[in-house]
Amino acid sequence: MSLATLSRGLTALGLGLASLAALWWGLAYGPVIETGLMSGAAATRCLAAASYACQFALSICGTEHPFGIQVYRPTLFLGAVSLVTAGLALSGLRLAFAPQAVSRGQMPPSQAFEGLPPPRKKT
């Protein structure tokens, strides 16, 4: 597996999991925001950090939540952010070391920037 494939895979997996975490957060905190227990800005902080205020607002919310989801943990979101960060870091490493690998003869020039879009033509 090439470094480019790994970096793209980690980034895509992280973005998918972040989307899933945002959906989970929305199902849990949507009713909390609608009832006015927390503002949208305050509830957004609960996406990435579990606090007593977040847990308290979920526990006293008297409305019915979609699918009965009344618990949210930010672990999935934080893991997703870690995967995206790792994917982007690997992509940056690949780009940083590609010219050196070409100059040492470890990589053919045609593979140095594999997967990158072609340069824009000047108009």
PDB file of N, CA and C in Angstrom:
ATOM      1  N   MET A   1       0.847  -1.167   0.000  1.00  0.00           N
ATOM      2  CA  MET A   1       0.000   0.000   0.000  1.00  0.00           C
ATOM      3  C   MET A   1       0.896   1.234   0.000  1.00  0.00           C
ATOM      4  N   SER A   2       0.590   2.149  -0.896  1.00  0.00           N
ATOM      5  CA  SER A   2       1.417   3.349  -0.982  1.00  0.00           C
ATOM      6  C   SER A   2       1.023   4.345   0.101  1.00  0.00           C
ATOM      7  N   LEU A   3       1.919   5.263   0.350  1.00  0.00           N
ATOM      8  CA  LEU A   3       1.676   6.297   1.351  1.00  0.00           C
ATOM      9  C   LEU A   3       0.508   7.187   0.946  1.00  0.00           C
ATOM     10  N   ALA A   4       0.378   7.452  -0.357  1.00  0.00           N
ATOM     11  CA  ALA A   4      -0.736   8.277  -0.838  1.00  0.00           C
ATOM     12  C   ALA A   4      -2.073   7.595  -0.579  1.00  0.00           C
ATOM     13  N   THR A   5      -2.133   6.287  -0.835  1.00  0.00           N
ATOM     14  CA  THR A   5      -3.370   5.537  -0.605  1.00  0.00           C
ATOM     15  C   THR A   5      -3.711   5.501   0.874  1.00  0.00           C
ATOM     16  N   LEU A   6      -2.712   5.299   1.705  1.00  0.00           N
ATOM     17  CA  LEU A   6      -2.936   5.267   3.149  1.00  0.00           C
ATOM     18  C   LEU A   6      -3.420   6.616   3.658  1.00  0.00           C
ATOM     19  N   SER A   7      -2.805   7.696   3.214  1.00  0.00           N
ATOM     20  CA  SER A   7      -3.214   9.021   3.691  1.00  0.00           C
ATOM     21  C   SER A   7      -4.638   9.349   3.233  1.00  0.00           C
ATOM     22  N   ARG A   8      -4.961   9.005   1.992  1.00  0.00           N
ATOM     23  CA  ARG A   8      -6.334   9.247   1.513  1.00  0.00           C
ATOM     24  C   ARG A   8      -7.342   8.391   2.276  1.00  0.00           C
ATOM     25  N   GLY A   9      -6.981   7.141   2.541  1.00  0.00           N
ATOM     26  CA  GLY A   9      -7.879   6.251   3.268  1.00  0.00           C
ATOM     27  C   GLY A   9      -8.145   6.712   4.690  1.00  0.00           C
ATOM     28  N   LEU A  10      -7.092   7.120   5.397  1.00  0.00           N
ATOM     29  CA  LEU A  10      -7.266   7.623   6.760  1.00  0.00           C
ATOM     30  C   LEU A  10      -8.115   8.884   6.793  1.00  0.00           C
ATOM     31  N   THR A  11      -7.864   9.778   5.847  1.00  0.00           N
ATOM     32  CA  THR A  11      -8.634  11.019   5.799  1.00  0.00           C
ATOM     33  C   THR A  11     -10.102  10.737   5.497  1.00  0.00           C
ATOM     34  N   ALA A  12     -10.360   9.864   4.527  1.00  0.00           N
ATOM     35  CA  ALA A  12     -11.747   9.539   4.173  1.00  0.00           C
ATOM     36  C   ALA A  12     -12.462   8.839   5.326  1.00  0.00           C
ATOM     37  N   LEU A  13     -11.789   7.905   5.975  1.00  0.00           N
ATOM     38  CA  LEU A  13     -12.387   7.217   7.117  1.00  0.00           C
ATOM     39  C   LEU A  13     -12.691   8.203   8.244  1.00  0.00           C
ATOM     40  N   GLY A  14     -11.754   9.100   8.510  1.00  0.00           N
ATOM     41  CA  GLY A  14     -11.965  10.099   9.555  1.00  0.00           C
ATOM     42  C   GLY A  14     -13.133  11.025   9.247  1.00  0.00           C
ATOM     43  N   LEU A  15     -13.253  11.453   7.999  1.00  0.00           N
ATOM     44  CA  LEU A  15     -14.369  12.328   7.626  1.00  0.00           C
ATOM     45  C   LEU A  15     -15.705  11.595   7.731  1.00  0.00           C
ATOM     46  N   GLY A  16     -15.708  10.324   7.354  1.00  0.00           N
ATOM     47  CA  GLY A  16     -16.935   9.535   7.486  1.00  0.00           C
ATOM     48  C   GLY A  16     -17.350   9.367   8.935  1.00  0.00           C
ATOM     49  N   LEU A  17     -16.382   9.067   9.799  1.00  0.00           N
ATOM     50  CA  LEU A  17     -16.692   8.918  11.219  1.00  0.00           C
ATOM     51  C   LEU A  17     -17.090  10.245  11.860  1.00  0.00           C
ATOM     52  N   ALA A  18     -16.495  11.344  11.414  1.00  0.00           N
ATOM     53  CA  ALA A  18     -16.883  12.654  11.930  1.00  0.00           C
ATOM     54  C   ALA A  18     -18.335  12.972  11.547  1.00  0.00           C
ATOM     55  N   SER A  19     -18.714  12.593  10.341  1.00  0.00           N
ATOM     56  CA  SER A  19     -20.101  12.789   9.915  1.00  0.00           C
ATOM     57  C   SER A  19     -21.059  11.959  10.766  1.00  0.00           C
ATOM     58  N   LEU A  20     -20.667  10.725  11.052  1.00  0.00           N
ATOM     59  CA  LEU A  20     -21.476   9.857  11.895  1.00  0.00           C
ATOM     60  C   LEU A  20     -21.591  10.429  13.313  1.00  0.00           C
ATOM     61  N   ALA A  21     -20.490  10.953  13.841  1.00  0.00           N
ATOM     62  CA  ALA A  21     -20.509  11.556  15.175  1.00  0.00           C
ATOM     63  C   ALA A  21     -21.400  12.797  15.199  1.00  0.00           C
ATOM     64  N   ALA A  22     -21.350  13.597  14.137  1.00  0.00           N
ATOM     65  CA  ALA A  22     -22.202  14.792  14.072  1.00  0.00           C
ATOM     66  C   ALA A  22     -23.674  14.402  14.017  1.00  0.00           C
ATOM     67  N   LEU A  23     -23.989  13.333  13.310  1.00  0.00           N
ATOM     68  CA  LEU A  23     -25.374  12.849  13.255  1.00  0.00           C
ATOM     69  C   LEU A  23     -25.813  12.375  14.636  1.00  0.00           C
ATOM     70  N   TRP A  24     -24.967  11.613  15.303  1.00  0.00           N
ATOM     71  CA  TRP A  24     -25.264  11.137  16.658  1.00  0.00           C
ATOM     72  C   TRP A  24     -25.470  12.327  17.595  1.00  0.00           C
ATOM     73  N   TRP A  25     -24.580  13.325  17.514  1.00  0.00           N
ATOM     74  CA  TRP A  25     -24.702  14.522  18.353  1.00  0.00           C
ATOM     75  C   TRP A  25     -26.020  15.237  18.069  1.00  0.00           C
ATOM     76  N   GLY A  26     -26.365  15.352  16.781  1.00  0.00           N
ATOM     77  CA  GLY A  26     -27.603  16.037  16.415  1.00  0.00           C
ATOM     78  C   GLY A  26     -28.842  15.332  16.946  1.00  0.00           C
ATOM     79  N   LEU A  27     -28.821  14.003  16.915  1.00  0.00           N
ATOM     80  CA  LEU A  27     -29.957  13.252  17.456  1.00  0.00           C
ATOM     81  C   LEU A  27     -30.068  13.412  18.963  1.00  0.00           C
ATOM     82  N   ALA A  28     -28.944  13.491  19.644  1.00  0.00           N
ATOM     83  CA  ALA A  28     -28.963  13.627  21.102  1.00  0.00           C
ATOM     84  C   ALA A  28     -29.252  15.056  21.541  1.00  0.00           C
ATOM     85  N   TYR A  29     -28.617  16.033  20.892  1.00  0.00           N
ATOM     86  CA  TYR A  29     -28.726  17.417  21.367  1.00  0.00           C
ATOM     87  C   TYR A  29     -29.771  18.256  20.623  1.00  0.00           C
ATOM     88  N   GLY A  30     -30.332  17.735  19.548  1.00  0.00           N
ATOM     89  CA  GLY A  30     -31.387  18.471  18.847  1.00  0.00           C
ATOM     90  C   GLY A  30     -32.537  18.852  19.763  1.00  0.00           C
ATOM     91  N   PRO A  31     -33.120  17.888  20.483  1.00  0.00           N
ATOM     92  CA  PRO A  31     -34.209  18.233  21.407  1.00  0.00           C
ATOM     93  C   PRO A  31     -33.776  19.163  22.540  1.00  0.00           C
ATOM     94  N   VAL A  32     -32.526  19.046  22.971  1.00  0.00           N
ATOM     95  CA  VAL A  32     -32.014  19.928  24.042  1.00  0.00           C
ATOM     96  C   VAL A  32     -31.995  21.375  23.548  1.00  0.00           C
ATOM     97  N   ILE A  33     -31.582  21.577  22.309  1.00  0.00           N
ATOM     98  CA  ILE A  33     -31.547  22.923  21.731  1.00  0.00           C
ATOM     99  C   ILE A  33     -32.963  23.435  21.488  1.00  0.00           C
ATOM    100  N   GLU A  34     -33.843  22.562  20.990  1.00  0.00           N
ATOM    101  CA  GLU A  34     -35.225  22.970  20.707  1.00  0.00           C
ATOM    102  C   GLU A  34     -35.978  23.390  21.961  1.00  0.00           C
ATOM    103  N   THR A  35     -35.721  22.728  23.081  1.00  0.00           N
ATOM    104  CA  THR A  35     -36.411  23.088  24.318  1.00  0.00           C
ATOM    105  C   THR A  35     -35.805  24.311  24.989  1.00  0.00           C
ATOM    106  N   GLY A  36     -34.645  24.758  24.535  1.00  0.00           N
ATOM    107  CA  GLY A  36     -34.021  25.947  25.096  1.00  0.00           C
ATOM    108  C   GLY A  36     -33.161  25.686  26.310  1.00  0.00           C
ATOM    109  N   LEU A  37     -32.868  24.423  26.600  1.00  0.00           N
ATOM    110  CA  LEU A  37     -32.002  24.123  27.740  1.00  0.00           C
ATOM    111  C   LEU A  37     -30.567  24.579  27.498  1.00  0.00           C
ATOM    112  N   MET A  38     -30.148  24.542  26.232  1.00  0.00           N
ATOM    113  CA  MET A  38     -28.818  25.013  25.842  1.00  0.00           C
ATOM    114  C   MET A  38     -28.950  25.745  24.520  1.00  0.00           C
ATOM    115  N   SER A  39     -28.106  26.740  24.332  1.00  0.00           N
ATOM    116  CA  SER A  39     -28.074  27.400  23.032  1.00  0.00           C
ATOM    117  C   SER A  39     -27.331  26.496  22.049  1.00  0.00           C
ATOM    118  N   GLY A  40     -27.479  26.774  20.784  1.00  0.00           N
ATOM    119  CA  GLY A  40     -26.776  25.989  19.775  1.00  0.00           C
ATOM    120  C   GLY A  40     -25.271  26.075  19.936  1.00  0.00           C
ATOM    121  N   ALA A  41     -24.775  27.273  20.266  1.00  0.00           N
ATOM    122  CA  ALA A  41     -23.330  27.455  20.451  1.00  0.00           C
ATOM    123  C   ALA A  41     -22.819  26.657  21.642  1.00  0.00           C
ATOM    124  N   ALA A  42     -23.569  26.669  22.733  1.00  0.00           N
ATOM    125  CA  ALA A  42     -23.153  25.917  23.918  1.00  0.00           C
ATOM    126  C   ALA A  42     -23.204  24.416  23.658  1.00  0.00           C
ATOM    127  N   ALA A  43     -24.232  23.977  22.936  1.00  0.00           N
ATOM    128  CA  ALA A  43     -24.358  22.545  22.645  1.00  0.00           C
ATOM    129  C   ALA A  43     -23.291  22.087  21.658  1.00  0.00           C
ATOM    130  N   THR A  44     -22.825  22.982  20.794  1.00  0.00           N
ATOM    131  CA  THR A  44     -21.786  22.621  19.831  1.00  0.00           C
ATOM    132  C   THR A  44     -20.493  22.237  20.553  1.00  0.00           C
ATOM    133  N   ARG A  45     -20.235  22.848  21.683  1.00  0.00           N
ATOM    134  CA  ARG A  45     -19.046  22.493  22.466  1.00  0.00           C
ATOM    135  C   ARG A  45     -19.107  21.044  22.945  1.00  0.00           C
ATOM    136  N   CYS A  46     -20.320  20.526  23.088  1.00  0.00           N
ATOM    137  CA  CYS A  46     -20.490  19.151  23.561  1.00  0.00           C
ATOM    138  C   CYS A  46     -20.100  18.132  22.494  1.00  0.00           C
ATOM    139  N   LEU A  47     -19.956  18.574  21.252  1.00  0.00           N
ATOM    140  CA  LEU A  47     -19.552  17.675  20.174  1.00  0.00           C
ATOM    141  C   LEU A  47     -18.168  17.095  20.428  1.00  0.00           C
ATOM    142  N   ALA A  48     -17.266  17.910  20.983  1.00  0.00           N
ATOM    143  CA  ALA A  48     -15.879  17.481  21.166  1.00  0.00           C
ATOM    144  C   ALA A  48     -15.462  17.332  22.628  1.00  0.00           C
ATOM    145  N   ALA A  49     -16.280  17.761  23.568  1.00  0.00           N
ATOM    146  CA  ALA A  49     -15.880  17.693  24.975  1.00  0.00           C
ATOM    147  C   ALA A  49     -17.084  17.375  25.845  1.00  0.00           C
ATOM    148  N   ALA A  50     -16.948  16.368  26.664  1.00  0.00           N
ATOM    149  CA  ALA A  50     -18.008  16.017  27.609  1.00  0.00           C
ATOM    150  C   ALA A  50     -17.830  16.875  28.856  1.00  0.00           C
ATOM    151  N   SER A  51     -18.845  17.630  29.181  1.00  0.00           N
ATOM    152  CA  SER A  51     -18.783  18.449  30.388  1.00  0.00           C
ATOM    153  C   SER A  51     -20.010  18.155  31.245  1.00  0.00           C
ATOM    154  N   TYR A  52     -19.969  18.639  32.469  1.00  0.00           N
ATOM    155  CA  TYR A  52     -21.115  18.443  33.347  1.00  0.00           C
ATOM    156  C   TYR A  52     -22.340  19.167  32.810  1.00  0.00           C
ATOM    157  N   ALA A  53     -22.135  20.329  32.198  1.00  0.00           N
ATOM    158  CA  ALA A  53     -23.268  21.077  31.638  1.00  0.00           C
ATOM    159  C   ALA A  53     -23.931  20.291  30.515  1.00  0.00           C
ATOM    160  N   CYS A  54     -23.135  19.661  29.684  1.00  0.00           N
ATOM    161  CA  CYS A  54     -23.681  18.862  28.582  1.00  0.00           C
ATOM    162  C   CYS A  54     -24.481  17.678  29.124  1.00  0.00           C
ATOM    163  N   GLN A  55     -23.885  16.965  30.055  1.00  0.00           N
ATOM    164  CA  GLN A  55     -24.563  15.798  30.618  1.00  0.00           C
ATOM    165  C   GLN A  55     -25.816  16.194  31.386  1.00  0.00           C
ATOM    166  N   PHE A  56     -25.756  17.314  32.079  1.00  0.00           N
ATOM    167  CA  PHE A  56     -26.909  17.786  32.840  1.00  0.00           C
ATOM    168  C   PHE A  56     -28.062  18.158  31.909  1.00  0.00           C
ATOM    169  N   ALA A  57     -27.738  18.865  30.828  1.00  0.00           N
ATOM    170  CA  ALA A  57     -28.784  19.256  29.875  1.00  0.00           C
ATOM    171  C   ALA A  57     -29.438  18.028  29.249  1.00  0.00           C
ATOM    172  N   LEU A  58     -28.653  17.015  28.929  1.00  0.00           N
ATOM    173  CA  LEU A  58     -29.236  15.786  28.374  1.00  0.00           C
ATOM    174  C   LEU A  58     -30.112  15.072  29.400  1.00  0.00           C
ATOM    175  N   SER A  59     -29.685  15.092  30.660  1.00  0.00           N
ATOM    176  CA  SER A  59     -30.430  14.342  31.672  1.00  0.00           C
ATOM    177  C   SER A  59     -31.752  14.995  32.046  1.00  0.00           C
ATOM    178  N   ILE A  60     -31.843  16.329  31.991  1.00  0.00           N
ATOM    179  CA  ILE A  60     -33.095  16.977  32.391  1.00  0.00           C
ATOM    180  C   ILE A  60     -34.016  17.280  31.207  1.00  0.00           C
ATOM    181  N   CYS A  61     -33.575  16.970  30.009  1.00  0.00           N
ATOM    182  CA  CYS A  61     -34.416  17.210  28.838  1.00  0.00           C
ATOM    183  C   CYS A  61     -35.613  16.261  28.906  1.00  0.00           C
ATOM    184  N   GLY A  62     -36.792  16.821  28.943  1.00  0.00           N
ATOM    185  CA  GLY A  62     -37.999  16.007  29.118  1.00  0.00           C
ATOM    186  C   GLY A  62     -38.635  15.547  27.824  1.00  0.00           C
ATOM    187  N   THR A  63     -38.144  16.010  26.691  1.00  0.00           N
ATOM    188  CA  THR A  63     -38.765  15.621  25.425  1.00  0.00           C
ATOM    189  C   THR A  63     -38.227  14.271  24.961  1.00  0.00           C
ATOM    190  N   GLU A  64     -38.970  13.672  24.048  1.00  0.00           N
ATOM    191  CA  GLU A  64     -38.548  12.385  23.509  1.00  0.00           C
ATOM    192  C   GLU A  64     -37.505  12.611  22.420  1.00  0.00           C
ATOM    193  N   HIS A  65     -36.443  11.870  22.485  1.00  0.00           N
ATOM    194  CA  HIS A  65     -35.361  11.983  21.512  1.00  0.00           C
ATOM    195  C   HIS A  65     -35.599  11.004  20.363  1.00  0.00           C
ATOM    196  N   PRO A  66     -35.150  11.372  19.148  1.00  0.00           N
ATOM    197  CA  PRO A  66     -35.295  10.444  18.026  1.00  0.00           C
ATOM    198  C   PRO A  66     -34.552   9.136  18.310  1.00  0.00           C
ATOM    199  N   PHE A  67     -35.212   8.025  18.039  1.00  0.00           N
ATOM    200  CA  PHE A  67     -34.659   6.686  18.234  1.00  0.00           C
ATOM    201  C   PHE A  67     -34.277   6.423  19.688  1.00  0.00           C
ATOM    202  N   GLY A  68     -34.726   7.248  20.618  1.00  0.00           N
ATOM    203  CA  GLY A  68     -34.431   7.046  22.026  1.00  0.00           C
ATOM    204  C   GLY A  68     -32.994   7.350  22.419  1.00  0.00           C
ATOM    205  N   ILE A  69     -32.264   8.071  21.562  1.00  0.00           N
ATOM    206  CA  ILE A  69     -30.857   8.373  21.837  1.00  0.00           C
ATOM    207  C   ILE A  69     -30.785   9.548  22.811  1.00  0.00           C
ATOM    208  N   GLN A  70     -30.394   9.258  24.037  1.00  0.00           N
ATOM    209  CA  GLN A  70     -30.278  10.299  25.050  1.00  0.00           C
ATOM    210  C   GLN A  70     -28.870  10.405  25.611  1.00  0.00           C
ATOM    211  N   VAL A  71     -27.929   9.740  24.982  1.00  0.00           N
ATOM    212  CA  VAL A  71     -26.541   9.753  25.445  1.00  0.00           C
ATOM    213  C   VAL A  71     -25.648  10.097  24.265  1.00  0.00           C
ATOM    214  N   TYR A  72     -24.672  10.932  24.507  1.00  0.00           N
ATOM    215  CA  TYR A  72     -23.663  11.237  23.489  1.00  0.00           C
ATOM    216  C   TYR A  72     -22.305  11.264  24.166  1.00  0.00           C
ATOM    217  N   ARG A  73     -21.335  10.615  23.558  1.00  0.00           N
ATOM    218  CA  ARG A  73     -19.953  10.641  24.033  1.00  0.00           C
ATOM    219  C   ARG A  73     -19.083  11.171  22.897  1.00  0.00           C
ATOM    220  N   PRO A  74     -18.181  12.085  23.161  1.00  0.00           N
ATOM    221  CA  PRO A  74     -17.370  12.676  22.099  1.00  0.00           C
ATOM    222  C   PRO A  74     -16.220  11.792  21.610  1.00  0.00           C
ATOM    223  N   THR A  75     -16.110  10.583  22.101  1.00  0.00           N
ATOM    224  CA  THR A  75     -14.999   9.713  21.734  1.00  0.00           C
ATOM    225  C   THR A  75     -14.944   9.452  20.236  1.00  0.00           C
ATOM    226  N   LEU A  76     -16.080   9.203  19.606  1.00  0.00           N
ATOM    227  CA  LEU A  76     -16.112   8.937  18.171  1.00  0.00           C
ATOM    228  C   LEU A  76     -15.626  10.156  17.384  1.00  0.00           C
ATOM    229  N   PHE A  77     -16.077  11.333  17.775  1.00  0.00           N
ATOM    230  CA  PHE A  77     -15.660  12.556  17.082  1.00  0.00           C
ATOM    231  C   PHE A  77     -14.160  12.796  17.255  1.00  0.00           C
ATOM    232  N   LEU A  78     -13.648  12.610  18.458  1.00  0.00           N
ATOM    233  CA  LEU A  78     -12.219  12.829  18.702  1.00  0.00           C
ATOM    234  C   LEU A  78     -11.362  11.814  17.947  1.00  0.00           C
ATOM    235  N   GLY A  79     -11.828  10.585  17.871  1.00  0.00           N
ATOM    236  CA  GLY A  79     -11.123   9.585  17.078  1.00  0.00           C
ATOM    237  C   GLY A  79     -11.121   9.945  15.599  1.00  0.00           C
ATOM    238  N   ALA A  80     -12.245  10.465  15.119  1.00  0.00           N
ATOM    239  CA  ALA A  80     -12.339  10.881  13.716  1.00  0.00           C
ATOM    240  C   ALA A  80     -11.375  12.023  13.423  1.00  0.00           C
ATOM    241  N   VAL A  81     -11.290  12.981  14.324  1.00  0.00           N
ATOM    242  CA  VAL A  81     -10.356  14.096  14.144  1.00  0.00           C
ATOM    243  C   VAL A  81      -8.917  13.575  14.130  1.00  0.00           C
ATOM    244  N   SER A  82      -8.631  12.591  14.958  1.00  0.00           N
ATOM    245  CA  SER A  82      -7.289  12.001  14.976  1.00  0.00           C
ATOM    246  C   SER A  82      -6.960  11.317  13.653  1.00  0.00           C
ATOM    247  N   LEU A  83      -7.925  10.605  13.077  1.00  0.00           N
ATOM    248  CA  LEU A  83      -7.700   9.942  11.793  1.00  0.00           C
ATOM    249  C   LEU A  83      -7.481  10.949  10.669  1.00  0.00           C
ATOM    250  N   VAL A  84      -8.272  12.011  10.654  1.00  0.00           N
ATOM    251  CA  VAL A  84      -8.090  13.049   9.629  1.00  0.00           C
ATOM    252  C   VAL A  84      -6.722  13.706   9.785  1.00  0.00           C
ATOM    253  N   THR A  85      -6.341  13.985  11.015  1.00  0.00           N
ATOM    254  CA  THR A  85      -5.031  14.591  11.267  1.00  0.00           C
ATOM    255  C   THR A  85      -3.904  13.673  10.815  1.00  0.00           C
ATOM    256  N   ALA A  86      -4.018  12.390  11.115  1.00  0.00           N
ATOM    257  CA  ALA A  86      -2.991  11.436  10.692  1.00  0.00           C
ATOM    258  C   ALA A  86      -2.924  11.348   9.171  1.00  0.00           C
ATOM    259  N   GLY A  87      -4.077  11.330   8.515  1.00  0.00           N
ATOM    260  CA  GLY A  87      -4.092  11.274   7.053  1.00  0.00           C
ATOM    261  C   GLY A  87      -3.466  12.499   6.422  1.00  0.00           C
ATOM    262  N   LEU A  88      -3.777  13.665   6.958  1.00  0.00           N
ATOM    263  CA  LEU A  88      -3.195  14.895   6.415  1.00  0.00           C
ATOM    264  C   LEU A  88      -1.700  14.986   6.719  1.00  0.00           C
ATOM    265  N   ALA A  89      -1.295  14.499   7.884  1.00  0.00           N
ATOM    266  CA  ALA A  89       0.133  14.514   8.219  1.00  0.00           C
ATOM    267  C   ALA A  89       0.912  13.586   7.286  1.00  0.00           C
ATOM    268  N   LEU A  90       0.369  12.414   7.002  1.00  0.00           N
ATOM    269  CA  LEU A  90       1.036  11.502   6.072  1.00  0.00           C
ATOM    270  C   LEU A  90       1.117  12.102   4.673  1.00  0.00           C
ATOM    271  N   SER A  91       0.085  12.790   4.285  1.00  0.00           N
ATOM    272  CA  SER A  91       0.093  13.452   2.978  1.00  0.00           C
ATOM    273  C   SER A  91       1.171  14.528   2.943  1.00  0.00           C
ATOM    274  N   GLY A  92       1.283  15.272   4.017  1.00  0.00           N
ATOM    275  CA  GLY A  92       2.322  16.301   4.091  1.00  0.00           C
ATOM    276  C   GLY A  92       3.716  15.705   4.097  1.00  0.00           C
ATOM    277  N   LEU A  93       3.902  14.594   4.797  1.00  0.00           N
ATOM    278  CA  LEU A  93       5.207  13.926   4.801  1.00  0.00           C
ATOM    279  C   LEU A  93       5.576  13.434   3.404  1.00  0.00           C
ATOM    280  N   ARG A  94       4.593  12.889   2.725  1.00  0.00           N
ATOM    281  CA  ARG A  94       4.850  12.385   1.368  1.00  0.00           C
ATOM    282  C   ARG A  94       5.300  13.521   0.466  1.00  0.00           C
ATOM    283  N   LEU A  95       4.631  14.651   0.580  1.00  0.00           N
ATOM    284  CA  LEU A  95       4.996  15.794  -0.255  1.00  0.00           C
ATOM    285  C   LEU A  95       6.335  16.397   0.158  1.00  0.00           C
ATOM    286  N   ALA A  96       6.622  16.371   1.449  1.00  0.00           N
ATOM    287  CA  ALA A  96       7.874  16.961   1.925  1.00  0.00           C
ATOM    288  C   ALA A  96       9.087  16.148   1.497  1.00  0.00           C
ATOM    289  N   PHE A  97       8.954  14.825   1.480  1.00  0.00           N
ATOM    290  CA  PHE A  97      10.099  13.981   1.185  1.00  0.00           C
ATOM    291  C   PHE A  97      10.163  13.486  -0.251  1.00  0.00           C
ATOM    292  N   ALA A  98       9.163  13.755  -1.059  1.00  0.00           N
ATOM    293  CA  ALA A  98       9.168  13.278  -2.445  1.00  0.00           C
ATOM    294  C   ALA A  98      10.339  13.838  -3.251  1.00  0.00           C
ATOM    295  N   PRO A  99      10.633  15.143  -3.196  1.00  0.00           N
ATOM    296  CA  PRO A  99      11.763  15.642  -3.977  1.00  0.00           C
ATOM    297  C   PRO A  99      13.097  15.036  -3.545  1.00  0.00           C
ATOM    298  N   GLN A 100      13.283  14.784  -2.250  1.00  0.00           N
ATOM    299  CA  GLN A 100      14.527  14.191  -1.767  1.00  0.00           C
ATOM    300  C   GLN A 100      14.667  12.754  -2.249  1.00  0.00           C
ATOM    301  N   ALA A 101      13.559  12.015  -2.273  1.00  0.00           N
ATOM    302  CA  ALA A 101      13.611  10.625  -2.734  1.00  0.00           C
ATOM    303  C   ALA A 101      13.947  10.562  -4.216  1.00  0.00           C
ATOM    304  N   VAL A 102      13.473  11.529  -4.987  1.00  0.00           N
ATOM    305  CA  VAL A 102      13.774  11.567  -6.417  1.00  0.00           C
ATOM    306  C   VAL A 102      15.256  11.879  -6.618  1.00  0.00           C
ATOM    307  N   SER A 103      15.781  12.831  -5.862  1.00  0.00           N
ATOM    308  CA  SER A 103      17.182  13.220  -6.040  1.00  0.00           C
ATOM    309  C   SER A 103      18.141  12.101  -5.629  1.00  0.00           C
ATOM    310  N   ARG A 104      17.738  11.247  -4.688  1.00  0.00           N
ATOM    311  CA  ARG A 104      18.572  10.129  -4.268  1.00  0.00           C
ATOM    312  C   ARG A 104      18.398   8.897  -5.164  1.00  0.00           C
ATOM    313  N   GLY A 105      17.461   8.965  -6.082  1.00  0.00           N
ATOM    314  CA  GLY A 105      17.217   7.844  -6.965  1.00  0.00           C
ATOM    315  C   GLY A 105      16.354   6.762  -6.353  1.00  0.00           C
ATOM    316  N   GLN A 106      15.695   7.051  -5.216  1.00  0.00           N
ATOM    317  CA  GLN A 106      14.850   6.068  -4.553  1.00  0.00           C
ATOM    318  C   GLN A 106      13.451   6.021  -5.157  1.00  0.00           C
ATOM    319  N   MET A 107      13.097   7.024  -5.928  1.00  0.00           N
ATOM    320  CA  MET A 107      11.766   7.102  -6.505  1.00  0.00           C
ATOM    321  C   MET A 107      11.876   7.729  -7.888  1.00  0.00           C
ATOM    322  N   PRO A 108      11.200   7.157  -8.872  1.00  0.00           N
ATOM    323  CA  PRO A 108      11.227   7.790 -10.187  1.00  0.00           C
ATOM    324  C   PRO A 108      10.471   9.116 -10.150  1.00  0.00           C
ATOM    325  N   PRO A 109      10.907  10.102 -10.924  1.00  0.00           N
ATOM    326  CA  PRO A 109      10.237  11.406 -10.907  1.00  0.00           C
ATOM    327  C   PRO A 109       8.750  11.335 -11.220  1.00  0.00           C
ATOM    328  N   SER A 110       8.337  10.348 -11.997  1.00  0.00           N
ATOM    329  CA  SER A 110       6.920  10.243 -12.354  1.00  0.00           C
ATOM    330  C   SER A 110       6.050   9.904 -11.143  1.00  0.00           C
ATOM    331  N   GLN A 111       6.624   9.341 -10.083  1.00  0.00           N
ATOM    332  CA  GLN A 111       5.851   8.972  -8.900  1.00  0.00           C
ATOM    333  C   GLN A 111       5.976   9.989  -7.765  1.00  0.00           C
ATOM    334  N   ALA A 112       6.777  11.000  -7.938  1.00  0.00           N
ATOM    335  CA  ALA A 112       7.051  11.935  -6.845  1.00  0.00           C
ATOM    336  C   ALA A 112       5.788  12.632  -6.360  1.00  0.00           C
ATOM    337  N   PHE A 113       4.954  13.053  -7.265  1.00  0.00           N
ATOM    338  CA  PHE A 113       3.757  13.781  -6.868  1.00  0.00           C
ATOM    339  C   PHE A 113       2.513  13.046  -7.356  1.00  0.00           C
ATOM    340  N   GLU A 114       2.558  11.731  -7.278  1.00  0.00           N
ATOM    341  CA  GLU A 114       1.451  10.889  -7.700  1.00  0.00           C
ATOM    342  C   GLU A 114       0.206  11.213  -6.883  1.00  0.00           C
ATOM    343  N   GLY A 115      -0.889  11.345  -7.564  1.00  0.00           N
ATOM    344  CA  GLY A 115      -2.151  11.601  -6.882  1.00  0.00           C
ATOM    345  C   GLY A 115      -2.479  13.065  -6.721  1.00  0.00           C
ATOM    346  N   LEU A 116      -1.582  13.940  -7.061  1.00  0.00           N
ATOM    347  CA  LEU A 116      -1.860  15.370  -6.959  1.00  0.00           C
ATOM    348  C   LEU A 116      -2.497  15.855  -8.260  1.00  0.00           C
ATOM    349  N   PRO A 117      -3.326  16.876  -8.194  1.00  0.00           N
ATOM    350  CA  PRO A 117      -3.906  17.400  -9.430  1.00  0.00           C
ATOM    351  C   PRO A 117      -2.823  18.061 -10.279  1.00  0.00           C
ATOM    352  N   PRO A 118      -3.009  18.072 -11.585  1.00  0.00           N
ATOM    353  CA  PRO A 118      -2.003  18.712 -12.445  1.00  0.00           C
ATOM    354  C   PRO A 118      -1.938  20.207 -12.182  1.00  0.00           C
ATOM    355  N   PRO A 119      -0.792  20.825 -12.436  1.00  0.00           N
ATOM    356  CA  PRO A 119      -0.675  22.275 -12.210  1.00  0.00           C
ATOM    357  C   PRO A 119      -1.615  23.051 -13.126  1.00  0.00           C
ATOM    358  N   ARG A 120      -2.051  24.181 -12.638  1.00  0.00           N
ATOM    359  CA  ARG A 120      -2.937  25.026 -13.444  1.00  0.00           C
ATOM    360  C   ARG A 120      -2.172  25.711 -14.551  1.00  0.00           C
ATOM    361  N   LYS A 121      -2.838  25.845 -15.666  1.00  0.00           N
ATOM    362  CA  LYS A 121      -2.214  26.555 -16.779  1.00  0.00           C
ATOM    363  C   LYS A 121      -2.458  28.049 -16.594  1.00  0.00           C
ATOM    364  N   LYS A 122      -1.435  28.824 -16.857  1.00  0.00           N
ATOM    365  CA  LYS A 122      -1.562  30.270 -16.723  1.00  0.00           C
ATOM    366  C   LYS A 122      -2.319  30.807 -17.923  1.00  0.00           C
ATOM    367  N   THR A 123      -3.232  31.717 -17.640  1.00  0.00           N
ATOM    368  CA  THR A 123      -4.018  32.308 -18.737  1.00  0.00           C
ATOM    369  C   THR A 123      -3.612  33.726 -18.989  1.00  0.00           C
TER     370      THR A 123
END
